[in-house]
Amino acid sequence: MTAAFRTGMAGLEPDSSRRGQLLTRALLALIEESSKMAVACEDPNDLAPIIEATIDWVGRLTE
């Protein structure tokens, strides 16, 4: 999952600042946790709220 996320971020400008490093780590942690939650779902209907919350938080972090 981390490799896929890094590939997706490859098109972004690299940011070596402390802020950029923290943002990258926060985004990776968010994607990792949401992926774990999605994998643990037994009911497919539980996926939509996880996906929506993940998209919402990625948007908040990258504003």
PDB file of N, CA and C in Angstrom:
ATOM      1  N   MET A   1       0.824  -1.189   0.000  1.00  0.00           N
ATOM      2  CA  MET A   1       0.000   0.000   0.000  1.00  0.00           C
ATOM      3  C   MET A   1       0.868   1.253   0.000  1.00  0.00           C
ATOM      4  N   THR A   2       1.908   1.242   0.819  1.00  0.00           N
ATOM      5  CA  THR A   2       2.803   2.393   0.881  1.00  0.00           C
ATOM      6  C   THR A   2       3.454   2.631  -0.469  1.00  0.00           C
ATOM      7  N   ALA A   3       3.865   1.560  -1.130  1.00  0.00           N
ATOM      8  CA  ALA A   3       4.494   1.695  -2.441  1.00  0.00           C
ATOM      9  C   ALA A   3       3.517   2.290  -3.446  1.00  0.00           C
ATOM     10  N   ALA A   4       2.277   1.860  -3.409  1.00  0.00           N
ATOM     11  CA  ALA A   4       1.267   2.404  -4.322  1.00  0.00           C
ATOM     12  C   ALA A   4       1.021   3.877  -4.041  1.00  0.00           C
ATOM     13  N   PHE A   5       0.990   4.246  -2.769  1.00  0.00           N
ATOM     14  CA  PHE A   5       0.772   5.645  -2.410  1.00  0.00           C
ATOM     15  C   PHE A   5       1.948   6.495  -2.867  1.00  0.00           C
ATOM     16  N   ARG A   6       3.157   6.006  -2.666  1.00  0.00           N
ATOM     17  CA  ARG A   6       4.341   6.761  -3.092  1.00  0.00           C
ATOM     18  C   ARG A   6       4.345   6.930  -4.610  1.00  0.00           C
ATOM     19  N   THR A   7       3.920   5.903  -5.331  1.00  0.00           N
ATOM     20  CA  THR A   7       3.824   6.011  -6.782  1.00  0.00           C
ATOM     21  C   THR A   7       2.820   7.092  -7.164  1.00  0.00           C
ATOM     22  N   GLY A   8       1.711   7.134  -6.458  1.00  0.00           N
ATOM     23  CA  GLY A   8       0.701   8.158  -6.718  1.00  0.00           C
ATOM     24  C   GLY A   8       1.191   9.552  -6.401  1.00  0.00           C
ATOM     25  N   MET A   9       2.067   9.672  -5.424  1.00  0.00           N
ATOM     26  CA  MET A   9       2.598  10.972  -5.030  1.00  0.00           C
ATOM     27  C   MET A   9       3.799  11.383  -5.872  1.00  0.00           C
ATOM     28  N   ALA A  10       4.272  10.496  -6.740  1.00  0.00           N
ATOM     29  CA  ALA A  10       5.475  10.767  -7.519  1.00  0.00           C
ATOM     30  C   ALA A  10       5.322  11.991  -8.414  1.00  0.00           C
ATOM     31  N   GLY A  11       4.112  12.285  -8.835  1.00  0.00           N
ATOM     32  CA  GLY A  11       3.880  13.439  -9.694  1.00  0.00           C
ATOM     33  C   GLY A  11       3.877  14.759  -8.952  1.00  0.00           C
ATOM     34  N   LEU A  12       3.864  14.705  -7.633  1.00  0.00           N
ATOM     35  CA  LEU A  12       3.860  15.927  -6.838  1.00  0.00           C
ATOM     36  C   LEU A  12       5.274  16.456  -6.664  1.00  0.00           C
ATOM     37  N   GLU A  13       5.370  17.753  -6.451  1.00  0.00           N
ATOM     38  CA  GLU A  13       6.663  18.360  -6.179  1.00  0.00           C
ATOM     39  C   GLU A  13       7.206  17.818  -4.862  1.00  0.00           C
ATOM     40  N   PRO A  14       8.460  17.383  -4.835  1.00  0.00           N
ATOM     41  CA  PRO A  14       9.017  16.902  -3.566  1.00  0.00           C
ATOM     42  C   PRO A  14       9.160  18.056  -2.579  1.00  0.00           C
ATOM     43  N   ASP A  15       8.843  17.806  -1.343  1.00  0.00           N
ATOM     44  CA  ASP A  15       8.920  18.824  -0.299  1.00  0.00           C
ATOM     45  C   ASP A  15       9.763  18.258   0.832  1.00  0.00           C
ATOM     46  N   SER A  16      10.986  18.730   0.946  1.00  0.00           N
ATOM     47  CA  SER A  16      11.888  18.199   1.964  1.00  0.00           C
ATOM     48  C   SER A  16      11.829  18.988   3.268  1.00  0.00           C
ATOM     49  N   SER A  17      10.925  19.962   3.339  1.00  0.00           N
ATOM     50  CA  SER A  17      10.788  20.727   4.576  1.00  0.00           C
ATOM     51  C   SER A  17      10.214  19.838   5.671  1.00  0.00           C
ATOM     52  N   ARG A  18      10.365  20.262   6.901  1.00  0.00           N
ATOM     53  CA  ARG A  18       9.797  19.500   8.023  1.00  0.00           C
ATOM     54  C   ARG A  18       8.287  19.375   7.862  1.00  0.00           C
ATOM     55  N   ARG A  19       7.648  20.459   7.433  1.00  0.00           N
ATOM     56  CA  ARG A  19       6.198  20.443   7.219  1.00  0.00           C
ATOM     57  C   ARG A  19       5.832  19.403   6.165  1.00  0.00           C
ATOM     58  N   GLY A  20       6.566  19.406   5.061  1.00  0.00           N
ATOM     59  CA  GLY A  20       6.306  18.452   3.991  1.00  0.00           C
ATOM     60  C   GLY A  20       6.528  17.014   4.419  1.00  0.00           C
ATOM     61  N   GLN A  21       7.568  16.793   5.208  1.00  0.00           N
ATOM     62  CA  GLN A  21       7.843  15.451   5.710  1.00  0.00           C
ATOM     63  C   GLN A  21       6.722  14.978   6.627  1.00  0.00           C
ATOM     64  N   LEU A  22       6.267  15.873   7.508  1.00  0.00           N
ATOM     65  CA  LEU A  22       5.182  15.507   8.423  1.00  0.00           C
ATOM     66  C   LEU A  22       3.894  15.230   7.656  1.00  0.00           C
ATOM     67  N   LEU A  23       3.592  16.063   6.669  1.00  0.00           N
ATOM     68  CA  LEU A  23       2.386  15.859   5.871  1.00  0.00           C
ATOM     69  C   LEU A  23       2.438  14.516   5.150  1.00  0.00           C
ATOM     70  N   THR A  24       3.578  14.197   4.572  1.00  0.00           N
ATOM     71  CA  THR A  24       3.727  12.913   3.880  1.00  0.00           C
ATOM     72  C   THR A  24       3.515  11.749   4.840  1.00  0.00           C
ATOM     73  N   ARG A  25       4.100  11.840   6.019  1.00  0.00           N
ATOM     74  CA  ARG A  25       3.935  10.768   7.006  1.00  0.00           C
ATOM     75  C   ARG A  25       2.486  10.650   7.464  1.00  0.00           C
ATOM     76  N   ALA A  26       1.831  11.791   7.659  1.00  0.00           N
ATOM     77  CA  ALA A  26       0.428  11.769   8.082  1.00  0.00           C
ATOM     78  C   ALA A  26      -0.448  11.140   7.003  1.00  0.00           C
ATOM     79  N   LEU A  27      -0.204  11.492   5.750  1.00  0.00           N
ATOM     80  CA  LEU A  27      -0.986  10.922   4.652  1.00  0.00           C
ATOM     81  C   LEU A  27      -0.758   9.417   4.533  1.00  0.00           C
ATOM     82  N   LEU A  28       0.487   8.995   4.675  1.00  0.00           N
ATOM     83  CA  LEU A  28       0.782   7.558   4.622  1.00  0.00           C
ATOM     84  C   LEU A  28       0.093   6.812   5.754  1.00  0.00           C
ATOM     85  N   ALA A  29       0.115   7.383   6.947  1.00  0.00           N
ATOM     86  CA  ALA A  29      -0.550   6.743   8.091  1.00  0.00           C
ATOM     87  C   ALA A  29      -2.054   6.658   7.864  1.00  0.00           C
ATOM     88  N   LEU A  30      -2.627   7.712   7.308  1.00  0.00           N
ATOM     89  CA  LEU A  30      -4.063   7.731   7.020  1.00  0.00           C
ATOM     90  C   LEU A  30      -4.426   6.651   6.006  1.00  0.00           C
ATOM     91  N   ILE A  31      -3.674   6.573   4.929  1.00  0.00           N
ATOM     92  CA  ILE A  31      -3.937   5.569   3.898  1.00  0.00           C
ATOM     93  C   ILE A  31      -3.746   4.163   4.463  1.00  0.00           C
ATOM     94  N   GLU A  32      -2.698   3.981   5.261  1.00  0.00           N
ATOM     95  CA  GLU A  32      -2.451   2.663   5.856  1.00  0.00           C
ATOM     96  C   GLU A  32      -3.609   2.241   6.761  1.00  0.00           C
ATOM     97  N   GLU A  33      -4.039   3.135   7.632  1.00  0.00           N
ATOM     98  CA  GLU A  33      -5.112   2.796   8.574  1.00  0.00           C
ATOM     99  C   GLU A  33      -6.431   2.537   7.846  1.00  0.00           C
ATOM    100  N   SER A  34      -6.750   3.370   6.865  1.00  0.00           N
ATOM    101  CA  SER A  34      -8.007   3.158   6.140  1.00  0.00           C
ATOM    102  C   SER A  34      -7.963   1.855   5.346  1.00  0.00           C
ATOM    103  N   SER A  35      -6.799   1.502   4.837  1.00  0.00           N
ATOM    104  CA  SER A  35      -6.655   0.231   4.119  1.00  0.00           C
ATOM    105  C   SER A  35      -6.875  -0.949   5.052  1.00  0.00           C
ATOM    106  N   LYS A  36      -6.312  -0.866   6.251  1.00  0.00           N
ATOM    107  CA  LYS A  36      -6.519  -1.934   7.241  1.00  0.00           C
ATOM    108  C   LYS A  36      -7.995  -2.067   7.590  1.00  0.00           C
ATOM    109  N   MET A  37      -8.660  -0.935   7.764  1.00  0.00           N
ATOM    110  CA  MET A  37     -10.086  -0.974   8.090  1.00  0.00           C
ATOM    111  C   MET A  37     -10.885  -1.586   6.942  1.00  0.00           C
ATOM    112  N   ALA A  38     -10.532  -1.228   5.709  1.00  0.00           N
ATOM    113  CA  ALA A  38     -11.250  -1.761   4.551  1.00  0.00           C
ATOM    114  C   ALA A  38     -11.060  -3.271   4.431  1.00  0.00           C
ATOM    115  N   VAL A  39      -9.844  -3.730   4.654  1.00  0.00           N
ATOM    116  CA  VAL A  39      -9.561  -5.166   4.567  1.00  0.00           C
ATOM    117  C   VAL A  39     -10.324  -5.934   5.640  1.00  0.00           C
ATOM    118  N   ALA A  40     -10.503  -5.325   6.806  1.00  0.00           N
ATOM    119  CA  ALA A  40     -11.180  -5.995   7.919  1.00  0.00           C
ATOM    120  C   ALA A  40     -12.703  -6.007   7.782  1.00  0.00           C
ATOM    121  N   CYS A  41     -13.241  -5.270   6.825  1.00  0.00           N
ATOM    122  CA  CYS A  41     -14.695  -5.200   6.652  1.00  0.00           C
ATOM    123  C   CYS A  41     -15.245  -6.536   6.168  1.00  0.00           C
ATOM    124  N   GLU A  42     -16.234  -7.007   6.877  1.00  0.00           N
ATOM    125  CA  GLU A  42     -16.917  -8.219   6.444  1.00  0.00           C
ATOM    126  C   GLU A  42     -18.129  -7.871   5.592  1.00  0.00           C
ATOM    127  N   ASP A  43     -18.680  -6.692   5.809  1.00  0.00           N
ATOM    128  CA  ASP A  43     -19.857  -6.236   5.076  1.00  0.00           C
ATOM    129  C   ASP A  43     -19.432  -5.155   4.079  1.00  0.00           C
ATOM    130  N   PRO A  44     -19.614  -5.393   2.781  1.00  0.00           N
ATOM    131  CA  PRO A  44     -19.224  -4.404   1.776  1.00  0.00           C
ATOM    132  C   PRO A  44     -19.884  -3.032   1.977  1.00  0.00           C
ATOM    133  N   ASN A  45     -21.025  -3.009   2.644  1.00  0.00           N
ATOM    134  CA  ASN A  45     -21.699  -1.733   2.897  1.00  0.00           C
ATOM    135  C   ASN A  45     -20.917  -0.848   3.869  1.00  0.00           C
ATOM    136  N   ASP A  46     -19.991  -1.440   4.600  1.00  0.00           N
ATOM    137  CA  ASP A  46     -19.170  -0.673   5.540  1.00  0.00           C
ATOM    138  C   ASP A  46     -18.013   0.050   4.854  1.00  0.00           C
ATOM    139  N   LEU A  47     -17.759  -0.264   3.591  1.00  0.00           N
ATOM    140  CA  LEU A  47     -16.637   0.346   2.880  1.00  0.00           C
ATOM    141  C   LEU A  47     -16.870   1.813   2.529  1.00  0.00           C
ATOM    142  N   ALA A  48     -18.066   2.155   2.115  1.00  0.00           N
ATOM    143  CA  ALA A  48     -18.337   3.529   1.669  1.00  0.00           C
ATOM    144  C   ALA A  48     -17.988   4.572   2.726  1.00  0.00           C
ATOM    145  N   PRO A  49     -18.389   4.405   3.990  1.00  0.00           N
ATOM    146  CA  PRO A  49     -18.017   5.412   4.990  1.00  0.00           C
ATOM    147  C   PRO A  49     -16.501   5.526   5.201  1.00  0.00           C
ATOM    148  N   ILE A  50     -15.798   4.415   5.088  1.00  0.00           N
ATOM    149  CA  ILE A  50     -14.338   4.441   5.235  1.00  0.00           C
ATOM    150  C   ILE A  50     -13.718   5.215   4.081  1.00  0.00           C
ATOM    151  N   ILE A  51     -14.169   4.927   2.882  1.00  0.00           N
ATOM    152  CA  ILE A  51     -13.648   5.615   1.701  1.00  0.00           C
ATOM    153  C   ILE A  51     -13.956   7.106   1.768  1.00  0.00           C
ATOM    154  N   GLU A  52     -15.189   7.444   2.115  1.00  0.00           N
ATOM    155  CA  GLU A  52     -15.581   8.852   2.195  1.00  0.00           C
ATOM    156  C   GLU A  52     -14.779   9.598   3.253  1.00  0.00           C
ATOM    157  N   ALA A  53     -14.584   8.987   4.412  1.00  0.00           N
ATOM    158  CA  ALA A  53     -13.809   9.632   5.477  1.00  0.00           C
ATOM    159  C   ALA A  53     -12.349   9.806   5.062  1.00  0.00           C
ATOM    160  N   THR A  54     -11.805   8.814   4.384  1.00  0.00           N
ATOM    161  CA  THR A  54     -10.418   8.905   3.922  1.00  0.00           C
ATOM    162  C   THR A  54     -10.255  10.049   2.936  1.00  0.00           C
ATOM    163  N   ILE A  55     -11.151  10.128   1.973  1.00  0.00           N
ATOM    164  CA  ILE A  55     -11.099  11.209   0.988  1.00  0.00           C
ATOM    165  C   ILE A  55     -11.244  12.562   1.676  1.00  0.00           C
ATOM    166  N   ASP A  56     -12.155  12.645   2.637  1.00  0.00           N
ATOM    167  CA  ASP A  56     -12.366  13.889   3.374  1.00  0.00           C
ATOM    168  C   ASP A  56     -11.092  14.319   4.098  1.00  0.00           C
ATOM    169  N   TRP A  57     -10.462  13.386   4.811  1.00  0.00           N
ATOM    170  CA  TRP A  57      -9.259  13.728   5.573  1.00  0.00           C
ATOM    171  C   TRP A  57      -8.070  14.035   4.678  1.00  0.00           C
ATOM    172  N   VAL A  58      -7.929  13.342   3.564  1.00  0.00           N
ATOM    173  CA  VAL A  58      -6.852  13.678   2.622  1.00  0.00           C
ATOM    174  C   VAL A  58      -7.056  15.107   2.127  1.00  0.00           C
ATOM    175  N   GLY A  59      -8.305  15.453   1.820  1.00  0.00           N
ATOM    176  CA  GLY A  59      -8.602  16.817   1.392  1.00  0.00           C
ATOM    177  C   GLY A  59      -8.261  17.843   2.451  1.00  0.00           C
ATOM    178  N   ARG A  60      -8.601  17.545   3.687  1.00  0.00           N
ATOM    179  CA  ARG A  60      -8.299  18.478   4.786  1.00  0.00           C
ATOM    180  C   ARG A  60      -6.797  18.666   4.967  1.00  0.00           C
ATOM    181  N   LEU A  61      -6.066  17.574   4.878  1.00  0.00           N
ATOM    182  CA  LEU A  61      -4.621  17.650   5.099  1.00  0.00           C
ATOM    183  C   LEU A  61      -3.882  18.349   3.967  1.00  0.00           C
ATOM    184  N   THR A  62      -4.433  18.292   2.772  1.00  0.00           N
ATOM    185  CA  THR A  62      -3.722  18.854   1.622  1.00  0.00           C
ATOM    186  C   THR A  62      -4.224  20.228   1.202  1.00  0.00           C
ATOM    187  N   GLU A  63      -5.132  20.802   1.974  1.00  0.00           N
ATOM    188  CA  GLU A  63      -5.640  22.141   1.626  1.00  0.00           C
ATOM    189  C   GLU A  63      -4.547  23.171   1.735  1.00  0.00           C
TER     190      GLU A  63
END
